[in-house]
């Protein structure tokens, strides 16, 4: 495990350049996240509007010991019924922050934050079927594998299956 103390914090303006660069760099995004070129300023515009903390989506910086930007976690509000919203979560780290337990810690902190500050019963996460590392992280965090949605994501010229996971407020959380 890493010795870096990981925290979540709101995105600050200084983070936006790193985010924009990361989101338009296939090597920085990694094998399972590159879906082609996109608008590098989209997060800057959303940040200017609401600090990336809207009613529909929250984005937090993953910060290291000195507050340095290591990536981000996001939670998007979902739900088929207005009386039963839930959050879908994800993480994206800079390449130098991967493989050190930082993503696991960041997602654990996000889970704790969402259950502490919203009344939702359910959190959801998904990942490509081939992303075994993220599947291990979600299972380590207590998420339950619910199933595979076939041909849900188009990446690198092929349709990809996605594995869906959930964590209920009432489920045990291994770190507690």
N, C-alpha and C. Protein backbone atom coordinates (compact mmCIF):
# COMPACT_ATOMS: atom_id res chain seq x y z
N UNK A 1 0.84 -1.18 0.00
CA UNK A 1 0.00 0.00 0.00
C UNK A 1 0.88 1.24 0.00
N UNK A 2 0.36 2.32 -0.51
CA UNK A 2 1.17 3.54 -0.58
C UNK A 2 1.25 4.22 0.78
N UNK A 3 2.22 5.10 0.91
CA UNK A 3 2.37 5.86 2.14
C UNK A 3 1.79 7.26 1.97
N UNK A 4 1.27 7.57 0.81
CA UNK A 4 0.70 8.88 0.53
C UNK A 4 -0.66 9.00 1.20
N UNK A 5 -0.87 10.10 1.91
CA UNK A 5 -2.19 10.37 2.50
C UNK A 5 -3.07 10.94 1.39
N UNK A 6 -4.18 10.27 1.13
CA UNK A 6 -5.09 10.65 0.05
C UNK A 6 -6.30 11.36 0.64
N UNK A 7 -6.67 12.46 0.04
CA UNK A 7 -7.88 13.18 0.41
C UNK A 7 -8.66 13.53 -0.85
N UNK A 8 -9.92 13.83 -0.65
CA UNK A 8 -10.75 14.39 -1.72
C UNK A 8 -11.00 15.85 -1.38
N UNK A 9 -11.07 16.67 -2.41
CA UNK A 9 -11.38 18.09 -2.22
C UNK A 9 -12.06 18.60 -3.49
N UNK A 10 -12.77 19.73 -3.37
CA UNK A 10 -13.34 20.30 -4.60
C UNK A 10 -12.24 20.63 -5.61
N UNK A 11 -12.59 20.59 -6.86
CA UNK A 11 -11.67 20.97 -7.93
C UNK A 11 -11.39 22.46 -7.83
N UNK A 12 -10.13 22.83 -7.94
CA UNK A 12 -9.73 24.25 -7.99
C UNK A 12 -9.24 24.57 -9.40
N UNK A 13 -9.17 25.83 -9.71
CA UNK A 13 -8.81 26.24 -11.07
C UNK A 13 -7.49 25.64 -11.53
N UNK A 14 -6.53 25.54 -10.65
CA UNK A 14 -5.21 24.99 -11.01
C UNK A 14 -5.30 23.53 -11.47
N UNK A 15 -6.35 22.81 -11.06
CA UNK A 15 -6.52 21.40 -11.46
C UNK A 15 -7.01 21.26 -12.90
N UNK A 16 -7.65 22.29 -13.42
CA UNK A 16 -8.35 22.18 -14.70
C UNK A 16 -7.42 21.91 -15.88
N UNK A 17 -6.24 22.48 -15.86
CA UNK A 17 -5.28 22.24 -16.94
C UNK A 17 -4.86 20.77 -16.96
N UNK A 18 -4.56 20.23 -15.79
CA UNK A 18 -4.18 18.81 -15.70
C UNK A 18 -5.34 17.91 -16.13
N UNK A 19 -6.55 18.26 -15.72
CA UNK A 19 -7.72 17.45 -16.12
C UNK A 19 -7.92 17.47 -17.62
N UNK A 20 -7.89 18.66 -18.20
CA UNK A 20 -8.09 18.79 -19.65
C UNK A 20 -7.02 18.04 -20.43
N UNK A 21 -5.77 18.14 -19.98
CA UNK A 21 -4.69 17.42 -20.64
C UNK A 21 -4.84 15.92 -20.51
N UNK A 22 -5.19 15.47 -19.31
CA UNK A 22 -5.35 14.03 -19.07
C UNK A 22 -6.47 13.46 -19.93
N UNK A 23 -7.57 14.18 -20.04
CA UNK A 23 -8.74 13.67 -20.75
C UNK A 23 -8.55 13.65 -22.27
N UNK A 24 -7.50 14.28 -22.77
CA UNK A 24 -7.22 14.25 -24.20
C UNK A 24 -5.87 13.63 -24.51
N UNK A 25 -5.41 12.76 -23.63
CA UNK A 25 -4.15 12.06 -23.83
C UNK A 25 -4.41 10.56 -23.68
N UNK A 26 -4.38 9.83 -24.79
CA UNK A 26 -4.67 8.39 -24.71
C UNK A 26 -3.76 7.65 -23.73
N UNK A 27 -2.50 8.04 -23.65
CA UNK A 27 -1.58 7.37 -22.73
C UNK A 27 -1.93 7.68 -21.27
N UNK A 28 -2.34 8.91 -21.01
CA UNK A 28 -2.70 9.30 -19.64
C UNK A 28 -3.99 8.64 -19.19
N UNK A 29 -4.94 8.48 -20.09
CA UNK A 29 -6.21 7.86 -19.72
C UNK A 29 -6.08 6.36 -19.50
N UNK A 30 -5.23 5.74 -20.24
CA UNK A 30 -5.04 4.31 -20.07
C UNK A 30 -5.92 3.48 -20.99
N UNK A 31 -5.66 2.21 -20.97
CA UNK A 31 -6.25 1.25 -21.90
C UNK A 31 -7.77 1.25 -21.91
N UNK A 32 -8.42 1.45 -20.77
CA UNK A 32 -9.87 1.27 -20.69
C UNK A 32 -10.67 2.57 -20.72
N UNK A 33 -10.01 3.70 -20.84
CA UNK A 33 -10.74 4.97 -20.77
C UNK A 33 -10.63 5.84 -22.01
N UNK A 34 -9.84 5.47 -22.99
CA UNK A 34 -9.68 6.32 -24.17
C UNK A 34 -10.80 6.06 -25.17
N UNK A 35 -11.67 7.06 -25.33
CA UNK A 35 -12.81 6.95 -26.25
C UNK A 35 -12.70 7.95 -27.41
N UNK A 36 -11.53 8.52 -27.60
CA UNK A 36 -11.31 9.48 -28.68
C UNK A 36 -11.22 10.90 -28.15
N UNK A 37 -10.86 11.79 -29.04
CA UNK A 37 -10.67 13.19 -28.69
C UNK A 37 -11.98 13.82 -28.25
N UNK A 38 -11.89 14.70 -27.28
CA UNK A 38 -13.06 15.41 -26.79
C UNK A 38 -12.71 16.86 -26.50
N UNK A 39 -13.68 17.61 -26.11
CA UNK A 39 -13.52 19.02 -25.81
C UNK A 39 -12.67 19.18 -24.54
N UNK A 40 -11.44 19.69 -24.66
CA UNK A 40 -10.58 19.78 -23.49
C UNK A 40 -11.03 20.85 -22.48
N UNK A 41 -11.93 21.72 -22.89
CA UNK A 41 -12.39 22.80 -22.01
C UNK A 41 -13.73 22.51 -21.35
N UNK A 42 -14.31 21.34 -21.59
CA UNK A 42 -15.65 21.08 -21.05
C UNK A 42 -15.71 21.15 -19.54
N UNK A 43 -14.68 20.65 -18.86
CA UNK A 43 -14.68 20.71 -17.40
C UNK A 43 -14.46 22.15 -16.92
N UNK A 44 -13.65 22.93 -17.65
CA UNK A 44 -13.43 24.33 -17.26
C UNK A 44 -14.74 25.10 -17.32
N UNK A 45 -15.55 24.88 -18.37
CA UNK A 45 -16.84 25.58 -18.47
C UNK A 45 -17.78 25.17 -17.35
N UNK A 46 -17.85 23.88 -17.06
CA UNK A 46 -18.71 23.41 -15.97
C UNK A 46 -18.21 23.92 -14.62
N UNK A 47 -16.90 23.98 -14.45
CA UNK A 47 -16.33 24.49 -13.21
C UNK A 47 -16.70 25.96 -13.04
N UNK A 48 -16.61 26.76 -14.11
CA UNK A 48 -16.96 28.18 -14.04
C UNK A 48 -18.44 28.36 -13.70
N UNK A 49 -19.27 27.43 -14.14
CA UNK A 49 -20.71 27.53 -13.88
C UNK A 49 -21.08 27.11 -12.46
N UNK A 50 -20.52 25.99 -11.97
CA UNK A 50 -20.95 25.48 -10.67
C UNK A 50 -19.86 24.74 -9.90
N UNK A 51 -18.60 24.96 -10.25
CA UNK A 51 -17.51 24.34 -9.49
C UNK A 51 -17.45 22.83 -9.61
N UNK A 52 -18.12 22.25 -10.64
CA UNK A 52 -18.20 20.80 -10.84
C UNK A 52 -18.93 20.12 -9.69
N UNK A 53 -19.83 20.87 -9.07
CA UNK A 53 -20.64 20.35 -7.97
C UNK A 53 -22.10 20.72 -8.23
N UNK A 54 -22.66 20.14 -9.27
CA UNK A 54 -24.05 20.42 -9.63
C UNK A 54 -24.97 19.41 -8.94
N UNK A 55 -26.25 19.58 -9.14
CA UNK A 55 -27.19 18.62 -8.57
C UNK A 55 -27.08 17.25 -9.23
N UNK A 56 -26.58 17.21 -10.46
CA UNK A 56 -26.52 15.96 -11.23
C UNK A 56 -25.17 15.27 -11.21
N UNK A 57 -24.10 16.02 -10.91
CA UNK A 57 -22.77 15.40 -10.90
C UNK A 57 -21.85 16.15 -9.95
N UNK A 58 -21.11 15.39 -9.18
CA UNK A 58 -20.07 15.93 -8.31
C UNK A 58 -18.73 15.37 -8.78
N UNK A 59 -17.75 16.26 -8.94
CA UNK A 59 -16.39 15.84 -9.29
C UNK A 59 -15.45 16.41 -8.23
N UNK A 60 -14.65 15.53 -7.64
CA UNK A 60 -13.69 15.92 -6.61
C UNK A 60 -12.29 15.56 -7.05
N UNK A 61 -11.33 16.41 -6.69
CA UNK A 61 -9.92 16.09 -6.93
C UNK A 61 -9.47 15.02 -5.96
N UNK A 62 -8.67 14.10 -6.44
CA UNK A 62 -7.93 13.17 -5.59
C UNK A 62 -6.61 13.86 -5.33
N UNK A 63 -6.34 14.16 -4.07
CA UNK A 63 -5.16 14.94 -3.72
C UNK A 63 -4.21 14.12 -2.85
N UNK A 64 -2.92 14.37 -3.06
CA UNK A 64 -1.88 13.70 -2.27
C UNK A 64 -1.51 14.49 -1.04
N UNK A 65 -0.39 14.13 -0.44
CA UNK A 65 0.07 14.72 0.82
C UNK A 65 0.08 16.25 0.82
N UNK A 66 0.59 16.83 -0.24
CA UNK A 66 0.72 18.28 -0.30
C UNK A 66 -0.46 18.93 -1.03
N UNK A 67 -1.53 18.19 -1.21
CA UNK A 67 -2.70 18.72 -1.90
C UNK A 67 -2.60 18.66 -3.41
N UNK A 68 -1.53 18.02 -3.91
CA UNK A 68 -1.33 17.96 -5.35
C UNK A 68 -2.39 17.09 -6.03
N UNK A 69 -2.75 17.50 -7.23
CA UNK A 69 -3.78 16.82 -8.03
C UNK A 69 -3.22 15.51 -8.56
N UNK A 70 -3.88 14.39 -8.20
CA UNK A 70 -3.48 13.06 -8.66
C UNK A 70 -4.50 12.45 -9.61
N UNK A 71 -5.64 13.10 -9.77
CA UNK A 71 -6.73 12.60 -10.59
C UNK A 71 -8.04 13.08 -10.00
N UNK A 72 -9.12 12.40 -10.35
CA UNK A 72 -10.42 12.81 -9.82
C UNK A 72 -11.35 11.62 -9.67
N UNK A 73 -12.33 11.81 -8.82
CA UNK A 73 -13.45 10.89 -8.68
C UNK A 73 -14.70 11.66 -9.07
N UNK A 74 -15.70 10.94 -9.54
CA UNK A 74 -16.95 11.58 -9.94
C UNK A 74 -18.12 10.72 -9.52
N UNK A 75 -19.21 11.39 -9.23
CA UNK A 75 -20.47 10.72 -8.92
C UNK A 75 -21.55 11.41 -9.74
N UNK A 76 -22.27 10.62 -10.52
CA UNK A 76 -23.36 11.14 -11.34
C UNK A 76 -24.68 10.60 -10.83
N UNK A 77 -25.64 11.50 -10.66
CA UNK A 77 -26.96 11.08 -10.16
C UNK A 77 -27.70 10.34 -11.27
N UNK A 78 -28.24 9.19 -10.92
CA UNK A 78 -29.00 8.35 -11.84
C UNK A 78 -30.31 7.97 -11.18
N UNK A 79 -31.13 7.24 -11.90
CA UNK A 79 -32.34 6.73 -11.30
C UNK A 79 -33.49 6.72 -12.28
N UNK A 80 -34.19 5.61 -12.30
CA UNK A 80 -35.33 5.46 -13.19
C UNK A 80 -36.57 6.15 -12.62
N UNK A 81 -36.56 6.39 -11.31
CA UNK A 81 -37.71 7.01 -10.66
C UNK A 81 -37.23 8.18 -9.81
N UNK A 82 -37.98 9.26 -9.79
CA UNK A 82 -37.54 10.42 -9.02
C UNK A 82 -37.45 10.16 -7.51
N UNK A 83 -38.17 9.16 -7.02
CA UNK A 83 -38.14 8.87 -5.59
C UNK A 83 -37.01 7.92 -5.20
N UNK A 84 -36.25 7.43 -6.17
CA UNK A 84 -35.18 6.47 -5.87
C UNK A 84 -33.90 6.80 -6.63
N UNK A 85 -33.34 7.99 -6.41
CA UNK A 85 -32.08 8.29 -7.10
C UNK A 85 -30.93 7.48 -6.51
N UNK A 86 -29.90 7.32 -7.31
CA UNK A 86 -28.67 6.69 -6.83
C UNK A 86 -27.51 7.37 -7.52
N UNK A 87 -26.31 7.08 -7.08
CA UNK A 87 -25.10 7.65 -7.66
C UNK A 87 -24.32 6.57 -8.41
N UNK A 88 -23.83 6.92 -9.59
CA UNK A 88 -22.89 6.09 -10.32
C UNK A 88 -21.52 6.73 -10.16
N UNK A 89 -20.55 5.95 -9.70
CA UNK A 89 -19.25 6.53 -9.37
C UNK A 89 -18.15 6.03 -10.30
N UNK A 90 -17.07 6.80 -10.35
CA UNK A 90 -15.90 6.41 -11.12
C UNK A 90 -14.67 7.17 -10.67
N UNK A 91 -13.53 6.74 -11.14
CA UNK A 91 -12.26 7.36 -10.78
C UNK A 91 -11.37 7.41 -12.02
N UNK A 92 -10.55 8.46 -12.11
CA UNK A 92 -9.54 8.55 -13.17
C UNK A 92 -8.30 9.16 -12.54
N UNK A 93 -7.20 8.44 -12.61
CA UNK A 93 -5.95 8.89 -12.01
C UNK A 93 -4.91 9.19 -13.07
N UNK A 94 -4.01 10.11 -12.75
CA UNK A 94 -2.84 10.33 -13.59
C UNK A 94 -2.00 9.05 -13.59
N UNK A 95 -1.27 8.77 -14.67
CA UNK A 95 -0.51 7.52 -14.74
C UNK A 95 0.42 7.28 -13.55
N UNK A 96 1.08 8.32 -13.06
CA UNK A 96 2.02 8.14 -11.95
C UNK A 96 1.34 7.82 -10.62
N UNK A 97 0.02 7.96 -10.55
CA UNK A 97 -0.71 7.66 -9.31
C UNK A 97 -1.32 6.27 -9.32
N UNK A 98 -1.20 5.55 -10.42
CA UNK A 98 -1.83 4.23 -10.53
C UNK A 98 -0.96 3.13 -9.91
N UNK A 99 -1.64 2.05 -9.50
CA UNK A 99 -0.93 0.88 -9.01
C UNK A 99 -0.38 1.03 -7.61
N UNK A 100 -0.84 2.04 -6.87
CA UNK A 100 -0.31 2.30 -5.53
C UNK A 100 -1.41 2.31 -4.47
N UNK A 101 -2.63 1.90 -4.83
CA UNK A 101 -3.73 1.90 -3.88
C UNK A 101 -4.46 3.22 -3.77
N UNK A 102 -4.03 4.21 -4.54
CA UNK A 102 -4.64 5.54 -4.46
C UNK A 102 -6.08 5.51 -4.97
N UNK A 103 -6.32 4.81 -6.05
CA UNK A 103 -7.68 4.72 -6.59
C UNK A 103 -8.63 4.01 -5.65
N UNK A 104 -8.15 2.98 -4.99
CA UNK A 104 -8.96 2.27 -4.01
C UNK A 104 -9.34 3.21 -2.87
N UNK A 105 -8.35 3.92 -2.34
CA UNK A 105 -8.60 4.86 -1.25
C UNK A 105 -9.55 5.97 -1.68
N UNK A 106 -9.33 6.51 -2.87
CA UNK A 106 -10.17 7.60 -3.36
C UNK A 106 -11.62 7.15 -3.51
N UNK A 107 -11.84 5.97 -4.04
CA UNK A 107 -13.22 5.48 -4.19
C UNK A 107 -13.84 5.17 -2.83
N UNK A 108 -13.07 4.68 -1.89
CA UNK A 108 -13.58 4.45 -0.53
C UNK A 108 -14.01 5.77 0.10
N UNK A 109 -13.18 6.81 -0.06
CA UNK A 109 -13.52 8.13 0.48
C UNK A 109 -14.79 8.68 -0.18
N UNK A 110 -14.94 8.44 -1.47
CA UNK A 110 -16.14 8.90 -2.17
C UNK A 110 -17.38 8.16 -1.67
N UNK A 111 -17.27 6.86 -1.48
CA UNK A 111 -18.39 6.07 -0.94
C UNK A 111 -18.80 6.64 0.42
N UNK A 112 -17.83 6.84 1.30
CA UNK A 112 -18.13 7.38 2.62
C UNK A 112 -18.80 8.76 2.52
N UNK A 113 -18.29 9.60 1.64
CA UNK A 113 -18.84 10.94 1.48
C UNK A 113 -20.30 10.89 0.99
N UNK A 114 -20.56 10.07 -0.01
CA UNK A 114 -21.91 10.01 -0.57
C UNK A 114 -22.91 9.46 0.43
N UNK A 115 -22.54 8.44 1.18
CA UNK A 115 -23.47 7.91 2.18
C UNK A 115 -23.63 8.86 3.37
N UNK A 116 -22.63 9.68 3.65
CA UNK A 116 -22.73 10.63 4.76
C UNK A 116 -23.53 11.88 4.39
N UNK A 117 -23.49 12.27 3.12
CA UNK A 117 -24.05 13.57 2.74
C UNK A 117 -25.24 13.50 1.79
N UNK A 118 -25.67 12.29 1.43
CA UNK A 118 -26.87 12.15 0.61
C UNK A 118 -27.68 10.98 1.18
N UNK A 119 -29.00 11.01 0.99
CA UNK A 119 -29.82 9.94 1.55
C UNK A 119 -29.95 8.72 0.65
N UNK A 120 -29.16 8.61 -0.40
CA UNK A 120 -29.32 7.50 -1.33
C UNK A 120 -29.09 6.15 -0.67
N UNK A 121 -29.77 5.16 -1.19
CA UNK A 121 -29.61 3.78 -0.71
C UNK A 121 -28.54 3.05 -1.51
N UNK A 122 -28.36 3.43 -2.79
CA UNK A 122 -27.56 2.63 -3.72
C UNK A 122 -26.48 3.47 -4.39
N UNK A 123 -25.30 2.86 -4.48
CA UNK A 123 -24.23 3.37 -5.33
C UNK A 123 -23.98 2.33 -6.40
N UNK A 124 -23.58 2.79 -7.56
CA UNK A 124 -23.32 1.87 -8.67
C UNK A 124 -21.98 2.24 -9.29
N UNK A 125 -21.31 1.24 -9.83
CA UNK A 125 -20.08 1.45 -10.59
C UNK A 125 -20.06 0.44 -11.72
N UNK A 126 -19.44 0.82 -12.81
CA UNK A 126 -19.28 -0.12 -13.92
C UNK A 126 -17.88 0.00 -14.48
N UNK A 127 -17.45 -1.06 -15.12
CA UNK A 127 -16.14 -1.08 -15.74
C UNK A 127 -16.16 -2.08 -16.89
N UNK A 128 -15.26 -1.90 -17.82
CA UNK A 128 -15.18 -2.86 -18.93
C UNK A 128 -14.88 -4.26 -18.40
N UNK A 129 -15.42 -5.24 -19.08
CA UNK A 129 -15.24 -6.63 -18.66
C UNK A 129 -13.76 -7.01 -18.58
N UNK A 130 -12.94 -6.42 -19.40
CA UNK A 130 -11.51 -6.73 -19.38
C UNK A 130 -10.71 -6.01 -18.31
N UNK A 131 -11.32 -5.06 -17.61
CA UNK A 131 -10.60 -4.29 -16.59
C UNK A 131 -10.66 -5.02 -15.25
N UNK A 132 -9.86 -6.05 -15.14
CA UNK A 132 -9.87 -6.90 -13.96
C UNK A 132 -9.37 -6.17 -12.72
N UNK A 133 -8.44 -5.23 -12.89
CA UNK A 133 -7.93 -4.48 -11.74
C UNK A 133 -9.05 -3.68 -11.08
N UNK A 134 -9.85 -2.98 -11.86
CA UNK A 134 -10.96 -2.20 -11.28
C UNK A 134 -12.02 -3.10 -10.68
N UNK A 135 -12.25 -4.25 -11.28
CA UNK A 135 -13.21 -5.19 -10.69
C UNK A 135 -12.73 -5.65 -9.31
N UNK A 136 -11.43 -5.91 -9.17
CA UNK A 136 -10.88 -6.30 -7.87
C UNK A 136 -11.05 -5.18 -6.85
N UNK A 137 -10.82 -3.93 -7.29
CA UNK A 137 -10.98 -2.79 -6.38
C UNK A 137 -12.42 -2.70 -5.89
N UNK A 138 -13.37 -2.78 -6.80
CA UNK A 138 -14.78 -2.66 -6.41
C UNK A 138 -15.17 -3.78 -5.44
N UNK A 139 -14.72 -4.97 -5.70
CA UNK A 139 -15.04 -6.09 -4.80
C UNK A 139 -14.35 -5.90 -3.45
N UNK A 140 -13.15 -5.38 -3.44
CA UNK A 140 -12.44 -5.09 -2.19
C UNK A 140 -13.20 -4.06 -1.36
N UNK A 141 -13.88 -3.13 -2.05
CA UNK A 141 -14.65 -2.10 -1.37
C UNK A 141 -16.04 -2.57 -0.93
N UNK A 142 -16.37 -3.82 -1.23
CA UNK A 142 -17.64 -4.37 -0.79
C UNK A 142 -18.75 -4.30 -1.82
N UNK A 143 -18.45 -3.83 -3.03
CA UNK A 143 -19.46 -3.79 -4.07
C UNK A 143 -19.80 -5.21 -4.50
N UNK A 144 -21.06 -5.42 -4.88
CA UNK A 144 -21.55 -6.71 -5.37
C UNK A 144 -21.63 -6.67 -6.88
N UNK A 145 -21.05 -7.66 -7.51
CA UNK A 145 -21.16 -7.78 -8.97
C UNK A 145 -22.60 -8.17 -9.31
N UNK A 146 -23.25 -7.36 -10.12
CA UNK A 146 -24.65 -7.60 -10.48
C UNK A 146 -24.81 -8.26 -11.83
N UNK A 147 -23.86 -8.06 -12.71
CA UNK A 147 -23.99 -8.70 -14.01
C UNK A 147 -23.25 -7.95 -15.10
N UNK A 148 -23.40 -8.46 -16.31
CA UNK A 148 -22.72 -7.91 -17.47
C UNK A 148 -23.77 -7.35 -18.43
N UNK A 149 -23.54 -6.13 -18.87
CA UNK A 149 -24.35 -5.54 -19.93
C UNK A 149 -23.54 -5.66 -21.21
N UNK A 150 -24.08 -6.39 -22.14
CA UNK A 150 -23.34 -6.66 -23.37
C UNK A 150 -23.33 -5.45 -24.29
N UNK A 151 -22.19 -5.24 -24.95
CA UNK A 151 -22.02 -4.21 -25.98
C UNK A 151 -22.51 -2.85 -25.51
N UNK A 152 -22.02 -2.39 -24.36
CA UNK A 152 -22.46 -1.11 -23.79
C UNK A 152 -21.53 0.05 -24.13
N UNK A 153 -20.29 -0.23 -24.48
CA UNK A 153 -19.34 0.85 -24.74
C UNK A 153 -18.60 0.57 -26.05
N UNK A 154 -18.45 1.60 -26.85
CA UNK A 154 -17.70 1.47 -28.09
C UNK A 154 -16.35 2.13 -27.90
N UNK A 155 -15.30 1.35 -28.00
CA UNK A 155 -13.94 1.84 -27.82
C UNK A 155 -13.00 1.10 -28.75
N UNK A 156 -12.12 1.85 -29.39
CA UNK A 156 -11.07 1.27 -30.22
C UNK A 156 -11.63 0.33 -31.29
N UNK A 157 -12.73 0.76 -31.93
CA UNK A 157 -13.29 0.01 -33.04
C UNK A 157 -14.13 -1.20 -32.68
N UNK A 158 -14.37 -1.41 -31.38
CA UNK A 158 -15.14 -2.59 -30.96
C UNK A 158 -16.14 -2.22 -29.88
N UNK A 159 -17.26 -2.95 -29.86
CA UNK A 159 -18.22 -2.85 -28.78
C UNK A 159 -17.70 -3.66 -27.61
N UNK A 160 -17.80 -3.10 -26.42
CA UNK A 160 -17.25 -3.72 -25.21
C UNK A 160 -18.37 -4.00 -24.20
N UNK A 161 -18.26 -5.13 -23.52
CA UNK A 161 -19.18 -5.46 -22.43
C UNK A 161 -18.76 -4.70 -21.18
N UNK A 162 -19.75 -4.34 -20.37
CA UNK A 162 -19.50 -3.64 -19.11
C UNK A 162 -20.02 -4.49 -17.95
N UNK A 163 -19.24 -4.54 -16.88
CA UNK A 163 -19.62 -5.26 -15.68
C UNK A 163 -20.15 -4.22 -14.68
N UNK A 164 -21.34 -4.48 -14.14
CA UNK A 164 -21.99 -3.56 -13.21
C UNK A 164 -21.91 -4.07 -11.78
N UNK A 165 -21.66 -3.14 -10.87
CA UNK A 165 -21.54 -3.41 -9.45
C UNK A 165 -22.42 -2.44 -8.66
N UNK A 166 -22.84 -2.86 -7.47
CA UNK A 166 -23.58 -1.96 -6.60
C UNK A 166 -23.13 -2.13 -5.16
N UNK A 167 -23.36 -1.08 -4.39
CA UNK A 167 -23.14 -1.10 -2.95
C UNK A 167 -24.33 -0.39 -2.33
N UNK A 168 -25.03 -1.08 -1.44
CA UNK A 168 -26.16 -0.49 -0.74
C UNK A 168 -25.70 0.10 0.58
N UNK A 169 -26.41 1.10 1.02
CA UNK A 169 -26.12 1.73 2.30
C UNK A 169 -26.06 0.69 3.43
N UNK A 170 -26.88 -0.34 3.32
CA UNK A 170 -26.98 -1.37 4.36
C UNK A 170 -25.95 -2.50 4.20
N UNK A 171 -25.19 -2.50 3.11
CA UNK A 171 -24.16 -3.53 2.90
C UNK A 171 -22.97 -3.27 3.83
N UNK A 172 -22.32 -4.33 4.24
CA UNK A 172 -21.09 -4.13 5.04
C UNK A 172 -20.02 -3.47 4.18
N UNK A 173 -19.24 -2.61 4.82
CA UNK A 173 -18.11 -1.98 4.16
C UNK A 173 -16.85 -2.46 4.86
N UNK A 174 -16.00 -3.19 4.17
CA UNK A 174 -14.86 -3.87 4.80
C UNK A 174 -13.96 -2.97 5.63
N UNK A 175 -13.86 -1.69 5.34
CA UNK A 175 -12.95 -0.81 6.05
C UNK A 175 -13.54 -0.26 7.35
N UNK A 176 -14.82 -0.51 7.60
CA UNK A 176 -15.44 0.02 8.82
C UNK A 176 -15.33 -0.95 9.96
